[in-house]
Amino acid sequence: MTEGQVLDIAREAIYTIIICSAPILIISLVVGLIISIFQTVTSIQEQTLTFVPKIIAVFVGMMIFGSWILTNLSEFMTSLWSNFSVYLGG
C-alpha cells in the first residue's frame, strides 16, 4: 500500500464524515441561532434553554437524514472492502 493510497483513503474518509455530519450540524446551528435571537429579544439569559430544543431538533434530523447517512457510510465501507486486494498489493 503506497503513501498516495493511504492519503486518498484518508481524504475520502474525511470528506464522507463532513458530508454525513453536515445536515445534523446545520440543524443544530440554526436551532441554536433561533434560540439565541429569542433570548436576546426577550432578555432571558438562561443557559440551559438551548439544550432541549437542540436535542429534539437533532433527533428529528437523525430520523429524517439517518437513512441517507447510513447509505453514504455503507457505500464508503463497501468501496473500501471491494478494493481491499488492491490495497494489499495483490
PDB file of N, CA and C in Angstrom:
ATOM      1  N   MET A   1       0.853  -1.170   0.000  1.00  0.00           N
ATOM      2  CA  MET A   1       0.000   0.000   0.000  1.00  0.00           C
ATOM      3  C   MET A   1       0.899   1.233   0.000  1.00  0.00           C
ATOM      4  N   THR A   2       0.673   2.090  -0.966  1.00  0.00           N
ATOM      5  CA  THR A   2       1.526   3.261  -1.098  1.00  0.00           C
ATOM      6  C   THR A   2       1.009   4.412  -0.237  1.00  0.00           C
ATOM      7  N   GLU A   3       1.862   5.390  -0.108  1.00  0.00           N
ATOM      8  CA  GLU A   3       1.504   6.570   0.675  1.00  0.00           C
ATOM      9  C   GLU A   3       0.352   7.325   0.023  1.00  0.00           C
ATOM     10  N   GLY A   4       0.326   7.351  -1.278  1.00  0.00           N
ATOM     11  CA  GLY A   4      -0.753   8.015  -2.007  1.00  0.00           C
ATOM     12  C   GLY A   4      -2.101   7.358  -1.772  1.00  0.00           C
ATOM     13  N   GLN A   5      -2.111   6.022  -1.720  1.00  0.00           N
ATOM     14  CA  GLN A   5      -3.363   5.313  -1.456  1.00  0.00           C
ATOM     15  C   GLN A   5      -3.876   5.613  -0.058  1.00  0.00           C
ATOM     16  N   VAL A   6      -2.972   5.665   0.911  1.00  0.00           N
ATOM     17  CA  VAL A   6      -3.374   5.987   2.284  1.00  0.00           C
ATOM     18  C   VAL A   6      -3.959   7.392   2.345  1.00  0.00           C
ATOM     19  N   LEU A   7      -3.319   8.338   1.665  1.00  0.00           N
ATOM     20  CA  LEU A   7      -3.832   9.708   1.648  1.00  0.00           C
ATOM     21  C   LEU A   7      -5.171   9.805   0.933  1.00  0.00           C
ATOM     22  N   ASP A   8      -5.352   9.025  -0.140  1.00  0.00           N
ATOM     23  CA  ASP A   8      -6.642   9.012  -0.839  1.00  0.00           C
ATOM     24  C   ASP A   8      -7.751   8.470   0.054  1.00  0.00           C
ATOM     25  N   ILE A   9      -7.468   7.395   0.770  1.00  0.00           N
ATOM     26  CA  ILE A   9      -8.466   6.816   1.679  1.00  0.00           C
ATOM     27  C   ILE A   9      -8.787   7.803   2.795  1.00  0.00           C
ATOM     28  N   ALA A  10      -7.754   8.432   3.362  1.00  0.00           N
ATOM     29  CA  ALA A  10      -7.976   9.400   4.442  1.00  0.00           C
ATOM     30  C   ALA A  10      -8.783  10.594   3.952  1.00  0.00           C
ATOM     31  N   ARG A  11      -8.464  11.083   2.746  1.00  0.00           N
ATOM     32  CA  ARG A  11      -9.203  12.213   2.189  1.00  0.00           C
ATOM     33  C   ARG A  11     -10.664  11.850   1.964  1.00  0.00           C
ATOM     34  N   GLU A  12     -10.902  10.677   1.409  1.00  0.00           N
ATOM     35  CA  GLU A  12     -12.277  10.242   1.164  1.00  0.00           C
ATOM     36  C   GLU A  12     -13.034  10.020   2.467  1.00  0.00           C
ATOM     37  N   ALA A  13     -12.340   9.510   3.484  1.00  0.00           N
ATOM     38  CA  ALA A  13     -12.980   9.299   4.793  1.00  0.00           C
ATOM     39  C   ALA A  13     -13.363  10.633   5.430  1.00  0.00           C
ATOM     40  N   ILE A  14     -12.464  11.612   5.372  1.00  0.00           N
ATOM     41  CA  ILE A  14     -12.767  12.922   5.948  1.00  0.00           C
ATOM     42  C   ILE A  14     -13.902  13.591   5.187  1.00  0.00           C
ATOM     43  N   TYR A  15     -13.890  13.476   3.871  1.00  0.00           N
ATOM     44  CA  TYR A  15     -14.978  14.042   3.067  1.00  0.00           C
ATOM     45  C   TYR A  15     -16.314  13.395   3.427  1.00  0.00           C
ATOM     46  N   THR A  16     -16.318  12.068   3.587  1.00  0.00           N
ATOM     47  CA  THR A  16     -17.543  11.354   3.954  1.00  0.00           C
ATOM     48  C   THR A  16     -18.041  11.787   5.323  1.00  0.00           C
ATOM     49  N   ILE A  17     -17.124  11.958   6.267  1.00  0.00           N
ATOM     50  CA  ILE A  17     -17.508  12.404   7.611  1.00  0.00           C
ATOM     51  C   ILE A  17     -18.132  13.793   7.555  1.00  0.00           C
ATOM     52  N   ILE A  18     -17.526  14.694   6.795  1.00  0.00           N
ATOM     53  CA  ILE A  18     -18.055  16.061   6.702  1.00  0.00           C
ATOM     54  C   ILE A  18     -19.429  16.066   6.051  1.00  0.00           C
ATOM     55  N   ILE A  19     -19.579  15.327   4.966  1.00  0.00           N
ATOM     56  CA  ILE A  19     -20.860  15.284   4.259  1.00  0.00           C
ATOM     57  C   ILE A  19     -21.952  14.663   5.131  1.00  0.00           C
ATOM     58  N   CYS A  20     -21.605  13.603   5.856  1.00  0.00           N
ATOM     59  CA  CYS A  20     -22.612  12.925   6.675  1.00  0.00           C
ATOM     60  C   CYS A  20     -22.989  13.717   7.927  1.00  0.00           C
ATOM     61  N   SER A  21     -22.067  14.478   8.458  1.00  0.00           N
ATOM     62  CA  SER A  21     -22.377  15.225   9.682  1.00  0.00           C
ATOM     63  C   SER A  21     -22.961  16.605   9.395  1.00  0.00           C
ATOM     64  N   ALA A  22     -22.831  17.097   8.187  1.00  0.00           N
ATOM     65  CA  ALA A  22     -23.273  18.455   7.856  1.00  0.00           C
ATOM     66  C   ALA A  22     -24.760  18.712   8.126  1.00  0.00           C
ATOM     67  N   PRO A  23     -25.684  17.835   7.721  1.00  0.00           N
ATOM     68  CA  PRO A  23     -27.097  18.153   7.979  1.00  0.00           C
ATOM     69  C   PRO A  23     -27.418  18.302   9.463  1.00  0.00           C
ATOM     70  N   ILE A  24     -26.865  17.432  10.292  1.00  0.00           N
ATOM     71  CA  ILE A  24     -27.150  17.487  11.723  1.00  0.00           C
ATOM     72  C   ILE A  24     -26.518  18.733  12.339  1.00  0.00           C
ATOM     73  N   LEU A  25     -25.298  19.063  11.928  1.00  0.00           N
ATOM     74  CA  LEU A  25     -24.641  20.252  12.461  1.00  0.00           C
ATOM     75  C   LEU A  25     -25.356  21.528  12.032  1.00  0.00           C
ATOM     76  N   ILE A  26     -25.850  21.557  10.808  1.00  0.00           N
ATOM     77  CA  ILE A  26     -26.572  22.737  10.325  1.00  0.00           C
ATOM     78  C   ILE A  26     -27.885  22.897  11.086  1.00  0.00           C
ATOM     79  N   ILE A  27     -28.583  21.798  11.324  1.00  0.00           N
ATOM     80  CA  ILE A  27     -29.821  21.857  12.110  1.00  0.00           C
ATOM     81  C   ILE A  27     -29.534  22.398  13.503  1.00  0.00           C
ATOM     82  N   SER A  28     -28.499  21.889  14.138  1.00  0.00           N
ATOM     83  CA  SER A  28     -28.136  22.346  15.479  1.00  0.00           C
ATOM     84  C   SER A  28     -27.753  23.822  15.475  1.00  0.00           C
ATOM     85  N   LEU A  29     -27.027  24.242  14.461  1.00  0.00           N
ATOM     86  CA  LEU A  29     -26.627  25.642  14.346  1.00  0.00           C
ATOM     87  C   LEU A  29     -27.831  26.554  14.176  1.00  0.00           C
ATOM     88  N   VAL A  30     -28.757  26.189  13.309  1.00  0.00           N
ATOM     89  CA  VAL A  30     -29.934  27.016  13.046  1.00  0.00           C
ATOM     90  C   VAL A  30     -30.808  27.111  14.297  1.00  0.00           C
ATOM     91  N   VAL A  31     -31.037  25.977  14.964  1.00  0.00           N
ATOM     92  CA  VAL A  31     -31.859  25.999  16.172  1.00  0.00           C
ATOM     93  C   VAL A  31     -31.182  26.832  17.260  1.00  0.00           C
ATOM     94  N   GLY A  32     -29.864  26.690  17.416  1.00  0.00           N
ATOM     95  CA  GLY A  32     -29.143  27.488  18.399  1.00  0.00           C
ATOM     96  C   GLY A  32     -29.226  28.970  18.096  1.00  0.00           C
ATOM     97  N   LEU A  33     -29.132  29.322  16.806  1.00  0.00           N
ATOM     98  CA  LEU A  33     -29.236  30.725  16.411  1.00  0.00           C
ATOM     99  C   LEU A  33     -30.630  31.279  16.699  1.00  0.00           C
ATOM    100  N   ILE A  34     -31.657  30.505  16.393  1.00  0.00           N
ATOM    101  CA  ILE A  34     -33.032  30.946  16.662  1.00  0.00           C
ATOM    102  C   ILE A  34     -33.256  31.131  18.159  1.00  0.00           C
ATOM    103  N   ILE A  35     -32.784  30.203  18.962  1.00  0.00           N
ATOM    104  CA  ILE A  35     -32.934  30.315  20.412  1.00  0.00           C
ATOM    105  C   ILE A  35     -32.146  31.517  20.939  1.00  0.00           C
ATOM    106  N   SER A  36     -30.965  31.760  20.400  1.00  0.00           N
ATOM    107  CA  SER A  36     -30.168  32.913  20.831  1.00  0.00           C
ATOM    108  C   SER A  36     -30.869  34.226  20.503  1.00  0.00           C
ATOM    109  N   ILE A  37     -31.455  34.301  19.315  1.00  0.00           N
ATOM    110  CA  ILE A  37     -32.210  35.506  18.950  1.00  0.00           C
ATOM    111  C   ILE A  37     -33.396  35.674  19.879  1.00  0.00           C
ATOM    112  N   PHE A  38     -34.100  34.579  20.181  1.00  0.00           N
ATOM    113  CA  PHE A  38     -35.235  34.626  21.105  1.00  0.00           C
ATOM    114  C   PHE A  38     -34.783  35.092  22.493  1.00  0.00           C
ATOM    115  N   GLN A  39     -33.651  34.593  22.968  1.00  0.00           N
ATOM    116  CA  GLN A  39     -33.145  35.001  24.272  1.00  0.00           C
ATOM    117  C   GLN A  39     -32.766  36.476  24.283  1.00  0.00           C
ATOM    118  N   THR A  40     -32.193  36.959  23.195  1.00  0.00           N
ATOM    119  CA  THR A  40     -31.807  38.365  23.121  1.00  0.00           C
ATOM    120  C   THR A  40     -33.028  39.278  23.108  1.00  0.00           C
ATOM    121  N   VAL A  41     -34.042  38.881  22.336  1.00  0.00           N
ATOM    122  CA  VAL A  41     -35.244  39.704  22.228  1.00  0.00           C
ATOM    123  C   VAL A  41     -36.000  39.744  23.552  1.00  0.00           C
ATOM    124  N   THR A  42     -36.090  38.630  24.239  1.00  0.00           N
ATOM    125  CA  THR A  42     -36.872  38.567  25.477  1.00  0.00           C
ATOM    126  C   THR A  42     -36.040  38.817  26.727  1.00  0.00           C
ATOM    127  N   SER A  43     -34.753  39.026  26.576  1.00  0.00           N
ATOM    128  CA  SER A  43     -33.825  39.252  27.706  1.00  0.00           C
ATOM    129  C   SER A  43     -33.793  38.094  28.684  1.00  0.00           C
ATOM    130  N   ILE A  44     -34.078  36.894  28.205  1.00  0.00           N
ATOM    131  CA  ILE A  44     -33.947  35.689  29.034  1.00  0.00           C
ATOM    132  C   ILE A  44     -32.525  35.176  28.827  1.00  0.00           C
ATOM    133  N   GLN A  45     -31.758  35.066  29.884  1.00  0.00           N
ATOM    134  CA  GLN A  45     -30.363  34.645  29.764  1.00  0.00           C
ATOM    135  C   GLN A  45     -30.129  33.287  30.426  1.00  0.00           C
ATOM    136  N   GLU A  46     -31.063  32.389  30.284  1.00  0.00           N
ATOM    137  CA  GLU A  46     -30.929  31.045  30.837  1.00  0.00           C
ATOM    138  C   GLU A  46     -30.071  30.204  29.891  1.00  0.00           C
ATOM    139  N   GLN A  47     -28.948  29.702  30.386  1.00  0.00           N
ATOM    140  CA  GLN A  47     -28.003  28.957  29.546  1.00  0.00           C
ATOM    141  C   GLN A  47     -28.530  27.581  29.145  1.00  0.00           C
ATOM    142  N   THR A  48     -29.364  26.991  29.988  1.00  0.00           N
ATOM    143  CA  THR A  48     -29.846  25.636  29.686  1.00  0.00           C
ATOM    144  C   THR A  48     -31.027  25.630  28.730  1.00  0.00           C
ATOM    145  N   LEU A  49     -31.535  26.790  28.364  1.00  0.00           N
ATOM    146  CA  LEU A  49     -32.699  26.870  27.478  1.00  0.00           C
ATOM    147  C   LEU A  49     -32.412  26.324  26.087  1.00  0.00           C
ATOM    148  N   THR A  50     -31.171  26.359  25.644  1.00  0.00           N
ATOM    149  CA  THR A  50     -30.858  25.917  24.279  1.00  0.00           C
ATOM    150  C   THR A  50     -30.737  24.404  24.148  1.00  0.00           C
ATOM    151  N   PHE A  51     -30.498  23.697  25.239  1.00  0.00           N
ATOM    152  CA  PHE A  51     -30.203  22.270  25.137  1.00  0.00           C
ATOM    153  C   PHE A  51     -31.388  21.430  24.675  1.00  0.00           C
ATOM    154  N   VAL A  52     -32.538  21.606  25.276  1.00  0.00           N
ATOM    155  CA  VAL A  52     -33.690  20.752  24.942  1.00  0.00           C
ATOM    156  C   VAL A  52     -34.136  20.944  23.491  1.00  0.00           C
ATOM    157  N   PRO A  53     -34.312  22.180  22.999  1.00  0.00           N
ATOM    158  CA  PRO A  53     -34.688  22.317  21.578  1.00  0.00           C
ATOM    159  C   PRO A  53     -33.633  21.761  20.621  1.00  0.00           C
ATOM    160  N   LYS A  54     -32.348  21.936  20.961  1.00  0.00           N
ATOM    161  CA  LYS A  54     -31.299  21.396  20.100  1.00  0.00           C
ATOM    162  C   LYS A  54     -31.333  19.881  20.079  1.00  0.00           C
ATOM    163  N   ILE A  55     -31.504  19.261  21.227  1.00  0.00           N
ATOM    164  CA  ILE A  55     -31.550  17.792  21.296  1.00  0.00           C
ATOM    165  C   ILE A  55     -32.740  17.268  20.505  1.00  0.00           C
ATOM    166  N   ILE A  56     -33.886  17.899  20.671  1.00  0.00           N
ATOM    167  CA  ILE A  56     -35.076  17.463  19.929  1.00  0.00           C
ATOM    168  C   ILE A  56     -34.865  17.646  18.424  1.00  0.00           C
ATOM    169  N   ALA A  57     -34.293  18.782  18.029  1.00  0.00           N
ATOM    170  CA  ALA A  57     -34.048  19.039  16.607  1.00  0.00           C
ATOM    171  C   ALA A  57     -33.046  18.049  16.026  1.00  0.00           C
ATOM    172  N   VAL A  58     -32.006  17.700  16.791  1.00  0.00           N
ATOM    173  CA  VAL A  58     -31.021  16.727  16.309  1.00  0.00           C
ATOM    174  C   VAL A  58     -31.659  15.347  16.168  1.00  0.00           C
ATOM    175  N   PHE A  59     -32.505  14.951  17.117  1.00  0.00           N
ATOM    176  CA  PHE A  59     -33.191  13.655  16.997  1.00  0.00           C
ATOM    177  C   PHE A  59     -34.111  13.626  15.779  1.00  0.00           C
ATOM    178  N   VAL A  60     -34.828  14.717  15.550  1.00  0.00           N
ATOM    179  CA  VAL A  60     -35.693  14.785  14.358  1.00  0.00           C
ATOM    180  C   VAL A  60     -34.833  14.739  13.093  1.00  0.00           C
ATOM    181  N   GLY A  61     -33.716  15.456  13.110  1.00  0.00           N
ATOM    182  CA  GLY A  61     -32.806  15.422  11.969  1.00  0.00           C
ATOM    183  C   GLY A  61     -32.244  14.035  11.721  1.00  0.00           C
ATOM    184  N   MET A  62     -31.932  13.313  12.799  1.00  0.00           N
ATOM    185  CA  MET A  62     -31.449  11.938  12.638  1.00  0.00           C
ATOM    186  C   MET A  62     -32.533  11.032  12.056  1.00  0.00           C
ATOM    187  N   MET A  63     -33.775  11.270  12.443  1.00  0.00           N
ATOM    188  CA  MET A  63     -34.865  10.472  11.879  1.00  0.00           C
ATOM    189  C   MET A  63     -35.048  10.780  10.390  1.00  0.00           C
ATOM    190  N   ILE A  64     -34.864  12.029  10.014  1.00  0.00           N
ATOM    191  CA  ILE A  64     -35.042  12.411   8.611  1.00  0.00           C
ATOM    192  C   ILE A  64     -33.838  11.991   7.770  1.00  0.00           C
ATOM    193  N   PHE A  65     -32.629  12.302   8.234  1.00  0.00           N
ATOM    194  CA  PHE A  65     -31.421  12.072   7.443  1.00  0.00           C
ATOM    195  C   PHE A  65     -30.693  10.777   7.777  1.00  0.00           C
ATOM    196  N   GLY A  66     -31.200  10.003   8.731  1.00  0.00           N
ATOM    197  CA  GLY A  66     -30.498   8.807   9.173  1.00  0.00           C
ATOM    198  C   GLY A  66     -30.263   7.784   8.080  1.00  0.00           C
ATOM    199  N   SER A  67     -31.269   7.538   7.262  1.00  0.00           N
ATOM    200  CA  SER A  67     -31.101   6.536   6.200  1.00  0.00           C
ATOM    201  C   SER A  67     -30.104   7.027   5.146  1.00  0.00           C
ATOM    202  N   TRP A  68     -30.115   8.310   4.853  1.00  0.00           N
ATOM    203  CA  TRP A  68     -29.163   8.869   3.897  1.00  0.00           C
ATOM    204  C   TRP A  68     -27.735   8.771   4.422  1.00  0.00           C
ATOM    205  N   ILE A  69     -27.551   9.074   5.706  1.00  0.00           N
ATOM    206  CA  ILE A  69     -26.224   8.980   6.322  1.00  0.00           C
ATOM    207  C   ILE A  69     -25.749   7.534   6.310  1.00  0.00           C
ATOM    208  N   LEU A  70     -26.631   6.610   6.674  1.00  0.00           N
ATOM    209  CA  LEU A  70     -26.277   5.193   6.686  1.00  0.00           C
ATOM    210  C   LEU A  70     -25.923   4.707   5.282  1.00  0.00           C
ATOM    211  N   THR A  71     -26.648   5.166   4.276  1.00  0.00           N
ATOM    212  CA  THR A  71     -26.346   4.783   2.897  1.00  0.00           C
ATOM    213  C   THR A  71     -24.967   5.285   2.482  1.00  0.00           C
ATOM    214  N   ASN A  72     -24.648   6.534   2.807  1.00  0.00           N
ATOM    215  CA  ASN A  72     -23.327   7.076   2.456  1.00  0.00           C
ATOM    216  C   ASN A  72     -22.209   6.316   3.152  1.00  0.00           C
ATOM    217  N   LEU A  73     -22.381   6.034   4.437  1.00  0.00           N
ATOM    218  CA  LEU A  73     -21.347   5.296   5.169  1.00  0.00           C
ATOM    219  C   LEU A  73     -21.206   3.870   4.645  1.00  0.00           C
ATOM    220  N   SER A  74     -22.330   3.240   4.300  1.00  0.00           N
ATOM    221  CA  SER A  74     -22.282   1.879   3.754  1.00  0.00           C
ATOM    222  C   SER A  74     -21.582   1.854   2.403  1.00  0.00           C
ATOM    223  N   GLU A  75     -21.846   2.846   1.560  1.00  0.00           N
ATOM    224  CA  GLU A  75     -21.175   2.913   0.262  1.00  0.00           C
ATOM    225  C   GLU A  75     -19.673   3.111   0.431  1.00  0.00           C
ATOM    226  N   PHE A  76     -19.279   3.935   1.386  1.00  0.00           N
ATOM    227  CA  PHE A  76     -17.857   4.147   1.635  1.00  0.00           C
ATOM    228  C   PHE A  76     -17.192   2.857   2.105  1.00  0.00           C
ATOM    229  N   MET A  77     -17.819   2.162   3.037  1.00  0.00           N
ATOM    230  CA  MET A  77     -17.251   0.915   3.541  1.00  0.00           C
ATOM    231  C   MET A  77     -17.233  -0.157   2.456  1.00  0.00           C
ATOM    232  N   THR A  78     -18.260  -0.204   1.620  1.00  0.00           N
ATOM    233  CA  THR A  78     -18.291  -1.169   0.526  1.00  0.00           C
ATOM    234  C   THR A  78     -17.162  -0.905  -0.458  1.00  0.00           C
ATOM    235  N   SER A  79     -16.910   0.375  -0.748  1.00  0.00           N
ATOM    236  CA  SER A  79     -15.805   0.681  -1.665  1.00  0.00           C
ATOM    237  C   SER A  79     -14.461   0.326  -1.042  1.00  0.00           C
ATOM    238  N   LEU A  80     -14.322   0.511   0.263  1.00  0.00           N
ATOM    239  CA  LEU A  80     -13.075   0.110   0.923  1.00  0.00           C
ATOM    240  C   LEU A  80     -12.876  -1.402   0.854  1.00  0.00           C
ATOM    241  N   TRP A  81     -13.917  -2.152   1.179  1.00  0.00           N
ATOM    242  CA  TRP A  81     -13.793  -3.619   1.185  1.00  0.00           C
ATOM    243  C   TRP A  81     -13.652  -4.186  -0.227  1.00  0.00           C
ATOM    244  N   SER A  82     -14.282  -3.556  -1.208  1.00  0.00           N
ATOM    245  CA  SER A  82     -14.159  -4.083  -2.569  1.00  0.00           C
ATOM    246  C   SER A  82     -12.767  -3.837  -3.141  1.00  0.00           C
ATOM    247  N   ASN A  83     -12.061  -2.828  -2.664  1.00  0.00           N
ATOM    248  CA  ASN A  83     -10.706  -2.543  -3.128  1.00  0.00           C
ATOM    249  C   ASN A  83      -9.637  -3.062  -2.171  1.00  0.00           C
ATOM    250  N   PHE A  84     -10.008  -3.946  -1.278  1.00  0.00           N
ATOM    251  CA  PHE A  84      -9.081  -4.443  -0.256  1.00  0.00           C
ATOM    252  C   PHE A  84      -7.874  -5.148  -0.866  1.00  0.00           C
ATOM    253  N   SER A  85      -8.108  -5.924  -1.911  1.00  0.00           N
ATOM    254  CA  SER A  85      -6.996  -6.633  -2.546  1.00  0.00           C
ATOM    255  C   SER A  85      -6.027  -5.665  -3.233  1.00  0.00           C
ATOM    256  N   VAL A  86      -6.562  -4.561  -3.744  1.00  0.00           N
ATOM    257  CA  VAL A  86      -5.713  -3.549  -4.372  1.00  0.00           C
ATOM    258  C   VAL A  86      -4.813  -2.908  -3.328  1.00  0.00           C
ATOM    259  N   TYR A  87      -5.364  -2.651  -2.146  1.00  0.00           N
ATOM    260  CA  TYR A  87      -4.589  -2.015  -1.093  1.00  0.00           C
ATOM    261  C   TYR A  87      -3.491  -2.926  -0.571  1.00  0.00           C
ATOM    262  N   LEU A  88      -3.717  -4.230  -0.624  1.00  0.00           N
ATOM    263  CA  LEU A  88      -2.712  -5.179  -0.153  1.00  0.00           C
ATOM    264  C   LEU A  88      -1.634  -5.430  -1.203  1.00  0.00           C
ATOM    265  N   GLY A  89      -1.859  -4.966  -2.408  1.00  0.00           N
ATOM    266  CA  GLY A  89      -0.870  -5.118  -3.456  1.00  0.00           C
ATOM    267  C   GLY A  89      -1.049  -6.379  -4.283  1.00  0.00           C
ATOM    268  N   GLY A  90      -2.221  -7.002  -4.178  1.00  0.00           N
ATOM    269  CA  GLY A  90      -2.444  -8.265  -4.876  1.00  0.00           C
ATOM    270  C   GLY A  90      -3.057  -8.151  -6.206  1.00  0.00           C
TER     271      GLY A  90
END
